[in-house]
Amino acid sequence: MAKKLSFACTLLTLLCAAALLSGCSELVLLNPKGPIGEAERFLILAAFVLMLLVVVPVIVMSVWFPLKYRASNTKAAYEPEWSHSNKIEAVMWCIPLVIVLALSVLVWRYTHRLDPYKPIDPAAEQFRVDVVSLDWKWLFIYPKQGIAVVNELVFPARTPLSFQLTSDTVMTSFFIPQLGSQIYAMAGMRTRLHLLADTPGVYAGQNQQFSGAGYPTMSFAAKAVTPEAFDAWVEQVKRSPQTLDATRFEALRKPSSGDPVTYFSSVSPDMFEYILNLYSPLDKTPGGGHGQGHTMHGQQ
C-alpha cells in the first residue's frame, strides 16, 4: 500500500510539473535577445534556485513524513515525550538566513548593474528614440532622423539604444520582455532606459500597466534590423505624406485603440519637450521655454 501511495504521489508531481513546464516556450522573458535581458534572466533563475532550497525539502518531507509515521508502519520510532531538537532548530534558522543573505547580495549588485539610466556602453554612440505613451497607442520620435511613428519601433541591432520616455495620459509601463528592463512613463516626467538587441528580429513590446479600456491593445512591434535595413526603413517613412506638429498631435492624442502603424515624414524638432511641458506647472509654453515665450517650430 505504501509503495502504491508513493508511486501515486510521484506520478502526480511529475504530471503537475509537465503541465507547468508545457508553457515555457511562451515565456519570452526567459528567451532574451540582449545583454540586459540575459542578466535579468540569470537573476530570475538564480533567485528561483535559491528559493527551491527551502521549497524542495518541504515537498519531500510532506511526502516522506506521512509515509514514515503512518499507523501501519510499526518500525517507525514512537517518542511521545520528544519536543525539541537543536539540530532541527539550527537548520530551520540557518538555511533561510543564508538564502536571504545570498538573495540580498545578488539583488543589490544587479540593481546597480542594471540601472536603466546607465548606458550599456558609455564609449559608443547611443541611438536615441523618444517614447510617448498615449490613449491607447505608442508614439516613437526619432530626433536625429526627424521622423515619428505610431505603434512600431524600428532600430539597428547591436547598437546601444537610449530611450527617454513620458506619457500624455495616465502612468503606463514600457516593456520589451526579450530585451529587458520594464520602466514607467508618467505625464510631465522624463524617464530613461538603455537597451540593446544582440540579433535582428521582431520582439513584442507592450504596456504592462493597466491604463483603461484600450489597455489590451496597447502593444507594438519592436524590430531590430541591420543598419542597411534601417536606412531603407527611414527612407520609406520619409515618403509618408503625414507630418507631426502640435496641431496633428492634438488629433493623435485623442483616445483610440487598435490604431494601425502610422508614419510621419517629419516632426517638430522639440515635440517631445512640448508634450513633456504640457503637464509642467512651471511652463505651459509649447517647446519648453521655461516661461520665456519659446514656441514649437512652425507654431508661432
C-alpha atoms as a PDB file:
ATOM      1  CA  MET A   1       0.000   0.000   0.000  1.00  0.00           C
ATOM      2  CA  ALA A   2       2.815   2.370   0.936  1.00  0.00           C
ATOM      3  CA  LYS A   3       4.601   1.753  -2.358  1.00  0.00           C
ATOM      4  CA  LYS A   4       1.402   2.405  -4.323  1.00  0.00           C
ATOM      5  CA  LEU A   5       0.845   5.661  -2.416  1.00  0.00           C
ATOM      6  CA  SER A   6       4.428   6.762  -3.004  1.00  0.00           C
ATOM      7  CA  PHE A   7       4.157   5.951  -6.724  1.00  0.00           C
ATOM      8  CA  ALA A   8       0.869   7.879  -6.982  1.00  0.00           C
ATOM      9  CA  CYS A   9       2.397  10.942  -5.295  1.00  0.00           C
ATOM     10  CA  THR A  10       5.434  10.828  -7.574  1.00  0.00           C
ATOM     11  CA  LEU A  11       3.259  10.463 -10.670  1.00  0.00           C
ATOM     12  CA  LEU A  12       1.045  13.363  -9.577  1.00  0.00           C
ATOM     13  CA  THR A  13       4.099  15.564  -9.013  1.00  0.00           C
ATOM     14  CA  LEU A  14       5.506  14.750 -12.458  1.00  0.00           C
ATOM     15  CA  LEU A  15       2.156  15.463 -14.123  1.00  0.00           C
ATOM     16  CA  CYS A  16       1.901  18.823 -12.388  1.00  0.00           C
ATOM     17  CA  ALA A  17       5.457  19.696 -13.406  1.00  0.00           C
ATOM     18  CA  ALA A  18       4.762  18.712 -17.006  1.00  0.00           C
ATOM     19  CA  ALA A  19       1.645  20.878 -17.083  1.00  0.00           C
ATOM     20  CA  LEU A  20       3.521  23.878 -15.721  1.00  0.00           C
ATOM     21  CA  LEU A  21       6.546  23.455 -17.986  1.00  0.00           C
ATOM     22  CA  SER A  22       4.471  22.938 -21.133  1.00  0.00           C
ATOM     23  CA  GLY A  23       4.077  26.702 -21.461  1.00  0.00           C
ATOM     24  CA  CYS A  24       7.762  27.546 -21.081  1.00  0.00           C
ATOM     25  CA  SER A  25       8.160  28.084 -24.822  1.00  0.00           C
ATOM     26  CA  GLU A  26       5.840  31.093 -24.447  1.00  0.00           C
ATOM     27  CA  LEU A  27       7.916  32.654 -21.668  1.00  0.00           C
ATOM     28  CA  VAL A  28       9.736  35.214 -23.810  1.00  0.00           C
ATOM     29  CA  LEU A  29      11.235  36.691 -20.648  1.00  0.00           C
ATOM     30  CA  LEU A  30      13.389  33.540 -20.421  1.00  0.00           C
ATOM     31  CA  ASN A  31      14.430  33.840 -24.080  1.00  0.00           C
ATOM     32  CA  PRO A  32      16.358  37.128 -24.016  1.00  0.00           C
ATOM     33  CA  LYS A  33      17.949  38.743 -27.048  1.00  0.00           C
ATOM     34  CA  GLY A  34      20.122  41.359 -25.386  1.00  0.00           C
ATOM     35  CA  PRO A  35      22.620  41.807 -22.518  1.00  0.00           C
ATOM     36  CA  ILE A  36      20.073  43.389 -20.162  1.00  0.00           C
ATOM     37  CA  GLY A  37      17.589  40.572 -20.772  1.00  0.00           C
ATOM     38  CA  GLU A  38      20.348  37.992 -20.271  1.00  0.00           C
ATOM     39  CA  ALA A  39      21.355  39.499 -16.924  1.00  0.00           C
ATOM     40  CA  GLU A  40      17.745  39.664 -15.770  1.00  0.00           C
ATOM     41  CA  ARG A  41      17.136  36.030 -16.769  1.00  0.00           C
ATOM     42  CA  PHE A  42      20.154  34.987 -14.699  1.00  0.00           C
ATOM     43  CA  LEU A  43      18.820  36.954 -11.734  1.00  0.00           C
ATOM     44  CA  ILE A  44      15.363  35.358 -12.041  1.00  0.00           C
ATOM     45  CA  LEU A  45      16.748  31.810 -12.318  1.00  0.00           C
ATOM     46  CA  ALA A  46      19.301  32.317  -9.547  1.00  0.00           C
ATOM     47  CA  ALA A  47      16.603  33.586  -7.188  1.00  0.00           C
ATOM     48  CA  PHE A  48      14.343  30.686  -8.205  1.00  0.00           C
ATOM     49  CA  VAL A  49      17.043  28.092  -7.490  1.00  0.00           C
ATOM     50  CA  LEU A  50      17.937  29.661  -4.144  1.00  0.00           C
ATOM     51  CA  MET A  51      14.302  29.618  -3.040  1.00  0.00           C
ATOM     52  CA  LEU A  52      13.992  25.982  -4.112  1.00  0.00           C
ATOM     53  CA  LEU A  53      16.495  25.153  -1.359  1.00  0.00           C
ATOM     54  CA  VAL A  54      13.586  25.691   1.037  1.00  0.00           C
ATOM     55  CA  VAL A  55      10.696  24.564  -1.149  1.00  0.00           C
ATOM     56  CA  VAL A  56      12.096  21.208  -2.332  1.00  0.00           C
ATOM     57  CA  PRO A  57      12.891  19.838   1.172  1.00  0.00           C
ATOM     58  CA  VAL A  58       9.403  20.859   2.325  1.00  0.00           C
ATOM     59  CA  ILE A  59       7.811  18.991  -0.593  1.00  0.00           C
ATOM     60  CA  VAL A  60       9.953  15.928   0.097  1.00  0.00           C
ATOM     61  CA  MET A  61       9.132  15.955   3.804  1.00  0.00           C
ATOM     62  CA  SER A  62       5.416  16.398   3.127  1.00  0.00           C
ATOM     63  CA  VAL A  63       5.534  13.020   1.338  1.00  0.00           C
ATOM     64  CA  TRP A  64       8.165  11.298   3.496  1.00  0.00           C
ATOM     65  CA  PHE A  65       6.692  12.082   6.942  1.00  0.00           C
ATOM     66  CA  PRO A  66       3.187  10.650   6.310  1.00  0.00           C
ATOM     67  CA  LEU A  67       4.737   7.519   4.814  1.00  0.00           C
ATOM     68  CA  LYS A  68       7.236   7.024   7.622  1.00  0.00           C
ATOM     69  CA  TYR A  69       4.877   7.732  10.520  1.00  0.00           C
ATOM     70  CA  ARG A  70       1.708   6.162   9.192  1.00  0.00           C
ATOM     71  CA  ALA A  71      -0.221   3.972  11.627  1.00  0.00           C
ATOM     72  CA  SER A  72       0.605   0.760   9.751  1.00  0.00           C
ATOM     73  CA  ASN A  73       4.375   1.332   9.945  1.00  0.00           C
ATOM     74  CA  THR A  74       5.268  -0.455  13.171  1.00  0.00           C
ATOM     75  CA  LYS A  75       9.017   0.107  12.621  1.00  0.00           C
ATOM     76  CA  ALA A  76       8.792   3.898  12.984  1.00  0.00           C
ATOM     77  CA  ALA A  77      10.119   5.299  16.267  1.00  0.00           C
ATOM     78  CA  TYR A  78       7.447   6.376  18.754  1.00  0.00           C
ATOM     79  CA  GLU A  79       8.607   9.199  21.039  1.00  0.00           C
ATOM     80  CA  PRO A  80       5.594  10.910  22.642  1.00  0.00           C
ATOM     81  CA  GLU A  81       7.838  12.887  25.029  1.00  0.00           C
ATOM     82  CA  TRP A  82      10.012  14.419  22.259  1.00  0.00           C
ATOM     83  CA  SER A  83       9.560  18.170  21.911  1.00  0.00           C
ATOM     84  CA  HIS A  84      12.811  19.845  20.818  1.00  0.00           C
ATOM     85  CA  SER A  85      15.916  19.386  18.690  1.00  0.00           C
ATOM     86  CA  ASN A  86      18.801  21.848  18.496  1.00  0.00           C
ATOM     87  CA  LYS A  87      19.836  20.393  15.132  1.00  0.00           C
ATOM     88  CA  ILE A  88      16.392  20.961  13.623  1.00  0.00           C
ATOM     89  CA  GLU A  89      16.291  24.499  15.048  1.00  0.00           C
ATOM     90  CA  ALA A  90      19.718  25.244  13.543  1.00  0.00           C
ATOM     91  CA  VAL A  91      18.652  24.001  10.108  1.00  0.00           C
ATOM     92  CA  MET A  92      15.320  25.849  10.244  1.00  0.00           C
ATOM     93  CA  TRP A  93      17.003  29.177  11.007  1.00  0.00           C
ATOM     94  CA  CYS A  94      20.407  28.971   9.319  1.00  0.00           C
ATOM     95  CA  ILE A  95      19.349  27.816   5.846  1.00  0.00           C
ATOM     96  CA  PRO A  96      16.697  30.557   5.338  1.00  0.00           C
ATOM     97  CA  LEU A  97      19.147  33.122   6.741  1.00  0.00           C
ATOM     98  CA  VAL A  98      21.839  32.087   4.251  1.00  0.00           C
ATOM     99  CA  ILE A  99      19.303  32.203   1.394  1.00  0.00           C
ATOM    100  CA  VAL A 100      18.087  35.686   2.367  1.00  0.00           C
ATOM    101  CA  LEU A 101      21.683  36.962   2.619  1.00  0.00           C
ATOM    102  CA  ALA A 102      22.587  35.465  -0.761  1.00  0.00           C
ATOM    103  CA  LEU A 103      19.486  36.962  -2.389  1.00  0.00           C
ATOM    104  CA  SER A 104      20.205  40.346  -0.779  1.00  0.00           C
ATOM    105  CA  VAL A 105      23.756  40.472  -2.153  1.00  0.00           C
ATOM    106  CA  LEU A 106      22.615  39.261  -5.581  1.00  0.00           C
ATOM    107  CA  VAL A 107      19.764  41.752  -5.871  1.00  0.00           C
ATOM    108  CA  TRP A 108      21.889  44.626  -4.532  1.00  0.00           C
ATOM    109  CA  ARG A 109      24.628  44.042  -7.100  1.00  0.00           C
ATOM    110  CA  TYR A 110      22.258  43.600 -10.045  1.00  0.00           C
ATOM    111  CA  THR A 111      20.096  46.566  -9.044  1.00  0.00           C
ATOM    112  CA  HIS A 112      23.088  48.858  -9.567  1.00  0.00           C
ATOM    113  CA  ARG A 113      24.460  46.942 -12.536  1.00  0.00           C
ATOM    114  CA  LEU A 114      21.107  47.076 -14.362  1.00  0.00           C
ATOM    115  CA  ASP A 115      20.328  50.721 -13.597  1.00  0.00           C
ATOM    116  CA  PRO A 116      18.088  51.695 -16.565  1.00  0.00           C
ATOM    117  CA  TYR A 117      19.597  55.188 -16.598  1.00  0.00           C
ATOM    118  CA  LYS A 118      23.140  53.825 -17.098  1.00  0.00           C
ATOM    119  CA  PRO A 119      24.303  53.462 -20.738  1.00  0.00           C
ATOM    120  CA  ILE A 120      25.245  49.918 -21.739  1.00  0.00           C
ATOM    121  CA  ASP A 121      28.411  51.129 -23.465  1.00  0.00           C
ATOM    122  CA  PRO A 122      29.239  54.743 -22.500  1.00  0.00           C
ATOM    123  CA  ALA A 123      32.006  54.896 -25.115  1.00  0.00           C
ATOM    124  CA  ALA A 124      29.675  54.019 -28.002  1.00  0.00           C
ATOM    125  CA  GLU A 125      27.288  56.411 -29.731  1.00  0.00           C
ATOM    126  CA  GLN A 126      23.783  55.999 -28.346  1.00  0.00           C
ATOM    127  CA  PHE A 127      20.845  55.561 -30.720  1.00  0.00           C
ATOM    128  CA  ARG A 128      18.158  57.837 -29.308  1.00  0.00           C
ATOM    129  CA  VAL A 129      14.414  57.314 -29.506  1.00  0.00           C
ATOM    130  CA  ASP A 130      11.834  59.444 -27.664  1.00  0.00           C
ATOM    131  CA  VAL A 131       8.812  57.471 -26.486  1.00  0.00           C
ATOM    132  CA  VAL A 132       5.375  58.895 -25.663  1.00  0.00           C
ATOM    133  CA  SER A 133       2.514  56.761 -24.370  1.00  0.00           C
ATOM    134  CA  LEU A 134      -0.954  57.843 -25.462  1.00  0.00           C
ATOM    135  CA  ASP A 135      -4.508  56.505 -25.083  1.00  0.00           C
ATOM    136  CA  TRP A 136      -4.026  53.685 -26.237  1.00  0.00           C
ATOM    137  CA  LYS A 137      -1.039  53.697 -28.536  1.00  0.00           C
ATOM    138  CA  TRP A 138       2.675  54.417 -28.601  1.00  0.00           C
ATOM    139  CA  LEU A 139       4.391  57.322 -30.343  1.00  0.00           C
ATOM    140  CA  PHE A 140       8.081  56.908 -31.221  1.00  0.00           C
ATOM    141  CA  ILE A 141      10.037  60.021 -32.202  1.00  0.00           C
ATOM    142  CA  TYR A 142      13.450  59.764 -33.876  1.00  0.00           C
ATOM    143  CA  PRO A 143      15.122  63.177 -33.266  1.00  0.00           C
ATOM    144  CA  LYS A 144      18.205  62.564 -35.411  1.00  0.00           C
ATOM    145  CA  GLN A 145      16.206  61.235 -38.368  1.00  0.00           C
ATOM    146  CA  GLY A 146      13.435  63.831 -37.931  1.00  0.00           C
ATOM    147  CA  ILE A 147      10.627  61.266 -38.211  1.00  0.00           C
ATOM    148  CA  ALA A 148       7.933  59.780 -35.949  1.00  0.00           C
ATOM    149  CA  VAL A 149       5.975  56.515 -35.948  1.00  0.00           C
ATOM    150  CA  VAL A 150       2.884  55.215 -34.172  1.00  0.00           C
ATOM    151  CA  ASN A 151       2.893  51.617 -32.857  1.00  0.00           C
ATOM    152  CA  GLU A 152       6.125  50.476 -34.490  1.00  0.00           C
ATOM    153  CA  LEU A 153       9.653  50.705 -33.114  1.00  0.00           C
ATOM    154  CA  VAL A 154      12.465  50.025 -35.582  1.00  0.00           C
ATOM    155  CA  PHE A 155      16.144  50.289 -34.658  1.00  0.00           C
ATOM    156  CA  PRO A 156      19.547  48.883 -35.657  1.00  0.00           C
ATOM    157  CA  ALA A 157      20.588  45.633 -33.983  1.00  0.00           C
ATOM    158  CA  ARG A 158      23.825  45.535 -31.962  1.00  0.00           C
ATOM    159  CA  THR A 159      23.538  49.281 -31.319  1.00  0.00           C
ATOM    160  CA  PRO A 160      23.111  50.746 -27.804  1.00  0.00           C
ATOM    161  CA  LEU A 161      19.642  52.278 -27.518  1.00  0.00           C
ATOM    162  CA  SER A 162      18.889  55.348 -25.420  1.00  0.00           C
ATOM    163  CA  PHE A 163      15.209  55.970 -24.707  1.00  0.00           C
ATOM    164  CA  GLN A 164      13.643  58.918 -22.954  1.00  0.00           C
ATOM    165  CA  LEU A 165      10.011  58.396 -22.073  1.00  0.00           C
ATOM    166  CA  THR A 166       6.983  60.358 -20.991  1.00  0.00           C
ATOM    167  CA  SER A 167       3.212  59.975 -21.068  1.00  0.00           C
ATOM    168  CA  ASP A 168       0.346  62.042 -22.410  1.00  0.00           C
ATOM    169  CA  THR A 169      -2.091  60.028 -20.336  1.00  0.00           C
ATOM    170  CA  VAL A 170      -2.072  58.070 -17.072  1.00  0.00           C
ATOM    171  CA  MET A 171       1.021  56.197 -15.912  1.00  0.00           C
ATOM    172  CA  THR A 172       1.972  53.376 -18.275  1.00  0.00           C
ATOM    173  CA  SER A 173       4.803  50.861 -18.407  1.00  0.00           C
ATOM    174  CA  PHE A 174       7.125  50.426 -21.399  1.00  0.00           C
ATOM    175  CA  PHE A 175       8.385  46.853 -21.715  1.00  0.00           C
ATOM    176  CA  ILE A 176      10.095  44.743 -24.383  1.00  0.00           C
ATOM    177  CA  PRO A 177      10.463  41.456 -22.439  1.00  0.00           C
ATOM    178  CA  GLN A 178      13.189  39.893 -24.599  1.00  0.00           C
ATOM    179  CA  LEU A 179      15.359  42.998 -24.282  1.00  0.00           C
ATOM    180  CA  GLY A 180      14.625  43.572 -20.585  1.00  0.00           C
ATOM    181  CA  SER A 181      14.021  46.386 -18.095  1.00  0.00           C
ATOM    182  CA  GLN A 182      10.434  47.493 -17.749  1.00  0.00           C
ATOM    183  CA  ILE A 183      10.124  51.196 -16.910  1.00  0.00           C
ATOM    184  CA  TYR A 184       7.254  53.605 -16.244  1.00  0.00           C
ATOM    185  CA  ALA A 185       6.215  56.546 -18.400  1.00  0.00           C
ATOM    186  CA  MET A 186       4.462  59.352 -16.494  1.00  0.00           C
ATOM    187  CA  ALA A 187       2.891  62.624 -17.597  1.00  0.00           C
ATOM    188  CA  GLY A 188       5.131  65.633 -17.009  1.00  0.00           C
ATOM    189  CA  MET A 189       8.094  63.407 -16.115  1.00  0.00           C
ATOM    190  CA  ARG A 190      11.063  62.147 -18.100  1.00  0.00           C
ATOM    191  CA  THR A 191      12.341  58.633 -17.501  1.00  0.00           C
ATOM    192  CA  ARG A 192      15.251  56.964 -19.281  1.00  0.00           C
ATOM    193  CA  LEU A 193      16.066  53.467 -20.420  1.00  0.00           C
ATOM    194  CA  HIS A 194      19.039  51.842 -22.150  1.00  0.00           C
ATOM    195  CA  LEU A 195      18.713  48.582 -24.087  1.00  0.00           C
ATOM    196  CA  LEU A 196      20.469  46.628 -26.815  1.00  0.00           C
ATOM    197  CA  ALA A 197      19.386  43.829 -29.168  1.00  0.00           C
ATOM    198  CA  ASP A 198      22.088  41.263 -29.905  1.00  0.00           C
ATOM    199  CA  THR A 199      20.434  39.884 -33.024  1.00  0.00           C
ATOM    200  CA  PRO A 200      17.978  41.121 -35.647  1.00  0.00           C
ATOM    201  CA  GLY A 201      14.402  40.059 -35.009  1.00  0.00           C
ATOM    202  CA  VAL A 202      10.885  41.171 -34.175  1.00  0.00           C
ATOM    203  CA  TYR A 203      10.156  41.402 -30.449  1.00  0.00           C
ATOM    204  CA  ALA A 204       6.875  42.063 -28.679  1.00  0.00           C
ATOM    205  CA  GLY A 205       6.541  45.429 -26.961  1.00  0.00           C
ATOM    206  CA  GLN A 206       3.725  46.170 -24.556  1.00  0.00           C
ATOM    207  CA  ASN A 207       2.267  48.292 -21.806  1.00  0.00           C
ATOM    208  CA  GLN A 208       2.312  46.367 -18.516  1.00  0.00           C
ATOM    209  CA  GLN A 209       0.358  48.960 -16.514  1.00  0.00           C
ATOM    210  CA  PHE A 210      -3.449  48.946 -16.701  1.00  0.00           C
ATOM    211  CA  SER A 211      -4.457  52.236 -18.305  1.00  0.00           C
ATOM    212  CA  GLY A 212      -8.117  51.996 -19.206  1.00  0.00           C
ATOM    213  CA  ALA A 213     -10.445  50.401 -21.733  1.00  0.00           C
ATOM    214  CA  GLY A 214      -7.903  50.171 -24.573  1.00  0.00           C
ATOM    215  CA  TYR A 215      -5.150  48.647 -22.440  1.00  0.00           C
ATOM    216  CA  PRO A 216      -5.318  45.133 -24.019  1.00  0.00           C
ATOM    217  CA  THR A 217      -4.475  46.519 -27.482  1.00  0.00           C
ATOM    218  CA  MET A 218      -1.666  48.828 -26.360  1.00  0.00           C
ATOM    219  CA  SER A 219       1.199  46.884 -27.894  1.00  0.00           C
ATOM    220  CA  PHE A 220       3.770  47.380 -30.637  1.00  0.00           C
ATOM    221  CA  ALA A 221       6.361  45.501 -32.683  1.00  0.00           C
ATOM    222  CA  ALA A 222       9.984  46.218 -31.775  1.00  0.00           C
ATOM    223  CA  LYS A 223      12.053  45.415 -34.861  1.00  0.00           C
ATOM    224  CA  ALA A 224      15.817  45.073 -34.617  1.00  0.00           C
ATOM    225  CA  VAL A 225      17.226  45.255 -38.148  1.00  0.00           C
ATOM    226  CA  THR A 226      20.547  45.614 -39.942  1.00  0.00           C
ATOM    227  CA  PRO A 227      21.897  49.159 -40.464  1.00  0.00           C
ATOM    228  CA  GLU A 228      21.115  48.884 -44.186  1.00  0.00           C
ATOM    229  CA  ALA A 229      17.538  47.787 -43.497  1.00  0.00           C
ATOM    230  CA  PHE A 230      17.117  50.615 -41.004  1.00  0.00           C
ATOM    231  CA  ASP A 231      18.282  53.223 -43.534  1.00  0.00           C
ATOM    232  CA  ALA A 232      15.821  51.810 -46.088  1.00  0.00           C
ATOM    233  CA  TRP A 233      13.022  51.953 -43.493  1.00  0.00           C
ATOM    234  CA  VAL A 234      13.823  55.598 -42.703  1.00  0.00           C
ATOM    235  CA  GLU A 235      13.574  56.435 -46.395  1.00  0.00           C
ATOM    236  CA  GLN A 236      10.202  54.676 -46.507  1.00  0.00           C
ATOM    237  CA  VAL A 237       8.935  56.721 -43.548  1.00  0.00           C
ATOM    238  CA  LYS A 238      10.172  59.947 -45.146  1.00  0.00           C
ATOM    239  CA  ARG A 239       7.931  59.268 -48.140  1.00  0.00           C
ATOM    240  CA  SER A 240       4.813  59.482 -45.951  1.00  0.00           C
ATOM    241  CA  PRO A 241       2.572  62.471 -46.704  1.00  0.00           C
ATOM    242  CA  GLN A 242       1.826  62.979 -43.000  1.00  0.00           C
ATOM    243  CA  THR A 243       3.815  65.280 -40.726  1.00  0.00           C
ATOM    244  CA  LEU A 244       3.664  65.688 -36.952  1.00  0.00           C
ATOM    245  CA  ASP A 245       3.299  69.129 -35.403  1.00  0.00           C
ATOM    246  CA  ALA A 246       1.277  70.476 -32.472  1.00  0.00           C
ATOM    247  CA  THR A 247      -1.955  70.570 -34.467  1.00  0.00           C
ATOM    248  CA  ARG A 248      -1.593  66.996 -35.703  1.00  0.00           C
ATOM    249  CA  PHE A 249      -0.629  65.871 -32.221  1.00  0.00           C
ATOM    250  CA  GLU A 250      -3.888  67.254 -30.803  1.00  0.00           C
ATOM    251  CA  ALA A 251      -5.765  64.870 -33.096  1.00  0.00           C
ATOM    252  CA  LEU A 252      -3.387  61.982 -32.404  1.00  0.00           C
ATOM    253  CA  ARG A 253      -3.713  62.217 -28.630  1.00  0.00           C
ATOM    254  CA  LYS A 254      -7.469  61.550 -28.673  1.00  0.00           C
ATOM    255  CA  PRO A 255      -8.270  58.130 -27.114  1.00  0.00           C
ATOM    256  CA  SER A 256      -8.380  55.290 -29.627  1.00  0.00           C
ATOM    257  CA  SER A 257      -7.356  51.638 -29.662  1.00  0.00           C
ATOM    258  CA  GLY A 258      -6.150  49.222 -32.309  1.00  0.00           C
ATOM    259  CA  ASP A 259      -4.528  52.030 -34.300  1.00  0.00           C
ATOM    260  CA  PRO A 260      -2.553  50.932 -37.377  1.00  0.00           C
ATOM    261  CA  VAL A 261       1.137  51.728 -37.792  1.00  0.00           C
ATOM    262  CA  THR A 262       1.346  55.353 -38.919  1.00  0.00           C
ATOM    263  CA  TYR A 263       4.399  57.119 -40.362  1.00  0.00           C
ATOM    264  CA  PHE A 264       5.206  60.832 -40.092  1.00  0.00           C
ATOM    265  CA  SER A 265       7.832  62.007 -42.582  1.00  0.00           C
ATOM    266  CA  SER A 266       8.777  64.964 -40.414  1.00  0.00           C
ATOM    267  CA  VAL A 267       8.296  66.022 -36.804  1.00  0.00           C
ATOM    268  CA  SER A 268       8.745  69.328 -34.996  1.00  0.00           C
ATOM    269  CA  PRO A 269      12.260  69.302 -33.502  1.00  0.00           C
ATOM    270  CA  ASP A 270      11.105  69.895 -29.925  1.00  0.00           C
ATOM    271  CA  MET A 271       7.946  67.760 -29.994  1.00  0.00           C
ATOM    272  CA  PHE A 272       8.986  65.592 -27.045  1.00  0.00           C
ATOM    273  CA  GLU A 273       9.701  68.644 -24.884  1.00  0.00           C
ATOM    274  CA  TYR A 274       6.383  70.146 -25.947  1.00  0.00           C
ATOM    275  CA  ILE A 275       4.491  67.033 -24.807  1.00  0.00           C
ATOM    276  CA  LEU A 276       6.501  66.892 -21.588  1.00  0.00           C
ATOM    277  CA  ASN A 277       5.758  70.513 -20.769  1.00  0.00           C
ATOM    278  CA  LEU A 278       2.019  70.169 -21.311  1.00  0.00           C
ATOM    279  CA  TYR A 279       1.942  68.870 -17.735  1.00  0.00           C
ATOM    280  CA  SER A 280       4.600  71.122 -16.236  1.00  0.00           C
ATOM    281  CA  PRO A 281       3.245  73.541 -13.587  1.00  0.00           C
ATOM    282  CA  LEU A 282       6.178  75.870 -14.332  1.00  0.00           C
ATOM    283  CA  ASP A 283       5.929  76.105 -18.085  1.00  0.00           C
ATOM    284  CA  LYS A 284       2.869  75.881 -20.290  1.00  0.00           C
ATOM    285  CA  THR A 285       4.557  77.327 -23.376  1.00  0.00           C
ATOM    286  CA  PRO A 286       4.987  74.908 -26.311  1.00  0.00           C
ATOM    287  CA  GLY A 287       8.540  73.678 -26.642  1.00  0.00           C
ATOM    288  CA  GLY A 288       9.718  74.127 -23.061  1.00  0.00           C
ATOM    289  CA  GLY A 289      10.898  77.747 -22.926  1.00  0.00           C
ATOM    290  CA  HIS A 290      10.505  77.923 -19.106  1.00  0.00           C
ATOM    291  CA  GLY A 291       8.109  80.827 -19.402  1.00  0.00           C
ATOM    292  CA  GLN A 292      10.315  82.728 -21.870  1.00  0.00           C
ATOM    293  CA  GLY A 293       7.884  82.510 -24.792  1.00  0.00           C
ATOM    294  CA  HIS A 294       9.703  79.732 -26.672  1.00  0.00           C
ATOM    295  CA  THR A 295       7.416  78.109 -29.247  1.00  0.00           C
ATOM    296  CA  MET A 296       7.425  74.916 -31.250  1.00  0.00           C
ATOM    297  CA  HIS A 297       8.932  75.062 -34.682  1.00  0.00           C
ATOM    298  CA  GLY A 298       6.217  76.087 -37.094  1.00  0.00           C
ATOM    299  CA  GLN A 299       3.788  77.029 -34.286  1.00  0.00           C
ATOM    300  CA  GLN A 300       4.332  80.763 -33.876  1.00  0.00           C
END
